[in-house]
Structures are given as C-alpha cells and as structure tokens.
C-alpha cells in the first residue's frame, strides 16, 4: 500500500497538512502557531525539504538556517510535539547538523 516513509506521513497527517502548510520551492513550511507545541519566543516557523532531507528553522529575529541530512523522523517530532520546539531545537539540532543561514521561509 505504501511505497515510502513519505507516503505513510502523507497518509497519517493529510488533513492536518492540507489545512496548515505552505509550500515554497519544494519546502513544506509550518508556522509555529499552527502546531500543537507550546508557543515559542524564538522560533517562528519550520520547514522540510523531503527530497533533500533539509530541515529549515526560521527565528523571530529574522534569521533562517538550514540543516543538512536531517531525518524525516526529526521533522515529524517538530510538527507533532506538544512540548517546546525551542528545547527540541537545542537538544536535537544545534551543533549536531551542518548547515548555514539562508533566505527566510515566511
């Protein structure tokens, strides 16, 4: 029935994704206020490029960073957590993935 992890993700989150996502240059973008997490004082939006496994984090400061080789499971944790996305960022991403600053998502 499913041919990839992406097909499973699409199936499980289809109704949520359709209502609360933006797509820009193949990057699925989620605004933090549309996610079930606690409100964030630092992170405004997250994005994921499924084809290239790149995670994007946009901060309220206006800076956006991309992180290479980010697994799909990490993206799933961000879009489903009910905890702090800032804490998740500091525990799982900062210092663990190569990347750099890019153009803003939103």
Protein backbone atom coordinates (compact mmCIF):
# COMPACT_ATOMS: atom_id res chain seq x y z
CA UNK A 1 0.00 0.00 0.00
CA UNK A 2 2.80 2.47 0.91
CA UNK A 3 5.99 2.79 -1.10
CA UNK A 4 7.96 5.11 1.20
CA UNK A 5 8.07 6.80 4.60
CA UNK A 6 6.78 9.94 2.92
CA UNK A 7 3.66 8.07 1.74
CA UNK A 8 3.00 6.97 5.32
CA UNK A 9 3.49 10.52 6.62
CA UNK A 10 1.18 11.89 3.94
CA UNK A 11 -1.49 9.36 4.85
CA UNK A 12 -1.30 9.96 8.61
CA UNK A 13 -1.20 13.74 8.52
CA UNK A 14 -3.14 14.55 5.33
CA UNK A 15 -5.98 16.53 6.92
CA UNK A 16 -3.63 18.50 9.17
CA UNK A 17 -1.13 19.15 6.37
CA UNK A 18 -3.75 20.39 3.93
CA UNK A 19 -5.06 22.97 6.40
CA UNK A 20 -1.84 24.28 7.92
CA UNK A 21 1.00 24.19 5.43
CA UNK A 22 2.66 26.37 2.88
CA UNK A 23 4.97 25.11 0.15
CA UNK A 24 7.81 27.23 -1.23
CA UNK A 25 10.34 25.81 -3.71
CA UNK A 26 9.50 22.25 -2.64
CA UNK A 27 9.84 23.06 1.08
CA UNK A 28 6.87 22.27 3.32
CA UNK A 29 6.57 25.17 5.77
CA UNK A 30 4.76 25.16 9.10
CA UNK A 31 4.22 28.24 11.22
CA UNK A 32 4.72 27.52 14.90
CA UNK A 33 1.32 28.96 15.85
CA UNK A 34 -0.31 26.26 13.67
CA UNK A 35 1.40 23.40 15.52
CA UNK A 36 0.36 21.66 18.75
CA UNK A 37 3.55 22.77 20.56
CA UNK A 38 3.87 25.36 23.29
CA UNK A 39 4.14 28.94 21.95
CA UNK A 40 7.76 29.77 21.11
CA UNK A 41 9.51 33.04 21.84
CA UNK A 42 12.32 32.31 19.39
CA UNK A 43 11.18 30.02 16.56
CA UNK A 44 8.64 31.41 14.07
CA UNK A 45 8.47 28.59 11.51
CA UNK A 46 10.00 25.31 10.44
CA UNK A 47 10.33 23.78 7.01
CA UNK A 48 11.39 20.49 5.49
CA UNK A 49 12.64 19.59 2.04
CA UNK A 50 11.66 15.91 1.76
CA UNK A 51 13.63 15.33 -1.43
CA UNK A 52 16.94 16.56 0.01
CA UNK A 53 16.42 15.88 3.76
CA UNK A 54 16.98 19.51 4.74
CA UNK A 55 15.35 20.98 7.83
CA UNK A 56 14.79 24.75 8.00
CA UNK A 57 14.30 26.80 11.16
CA UNK A 58 13.20 30.44 10.99
CA UNK A 59 13.62 32.55 14.10
CA UNK A 60 11.62 35.61 15.09
CA UNK A 61 14.91 37.52 14.87
CA UNK A 62 14.55 37.17 11.09
CA UNK A 63 17.31 34.65 10.57
CA UNK A 64 16.64 31.31 8.88
CA UNK A 65 19.01 28.34 8.94
CA UNK A 66 19.02 25.07 7.03
CA UNK A 67 20.35 21.81 8.39
CA UNK A 68 21.51 19.04 6.05
CA UNK A 69 20.85 15.30 6.41
CA UNK A 70 18.01 15.83 8.87
CA UNK A 71 15.94 12.65 9.11
CA UNK A 72 12.23 12.68 8.40
CA UNK A 73 11.63 11.48 11.96
CA UNK A 74 13.10 14.74 13.29
CA UNK A 75 10.68 16.77 11.14
CA UNK A 76 7.84 14.59 12.44
CA UNK A 77 8.86 15.31 16.03
CA UNK A 78 8.76 19.05 15.36
CA UNK A 79 5.31 19.03 13.80
CA UNK A 80 3.76 16.77 16.43
CA UNK A 81 5.39 17.78 19.71
CA UNK A 82 3.23 19.30 22.41
CA UNK A 83 6.35 20.45 24.24
CA UNK A 84 8.83 23.22 23.50
CA UNK A 85 10.19 23.47 19.94
CA UNK A 86 12.99 25.67 21.29
CA UNK A 87 14.09 22.93 23.66
CA UNK A 88 13.80 20.35 20.85
CA UNK A 89 15.95 22.58 18.64
CA UNK A 90 18.67 22.94 21.30
CA UNK A 91 18.65 19.23 22.19
CA UNK A 92 18.47 17.72 18.71
CA UNK A 93 19.69 20.20 16.09
CA UNK A 94 22.01 22.94 17.33
CA UNK A 95 25.57 21.68 16.98
CA UNK A 96 24.51 18.30 15.57
CA UNK A 97 23.86 19.14 11.90
CA UNK A 98 25.86 21.06 9.31
CA UNK A 99 24.11 23.97 7.71
CA UNK A 100 24.03 27.70 7.35
CA UNK A 101 21.93 30.82 7.03
CA UNK A 102 19.52 31.10 4.08
CA UNK A 103 16.64 33.23 2.80
CA UNK A 104 13.61 33.43 5.10
CA UNK A 105 10.79 30.92 4.67
CA UNK A 106 7.93 33.27 5.51
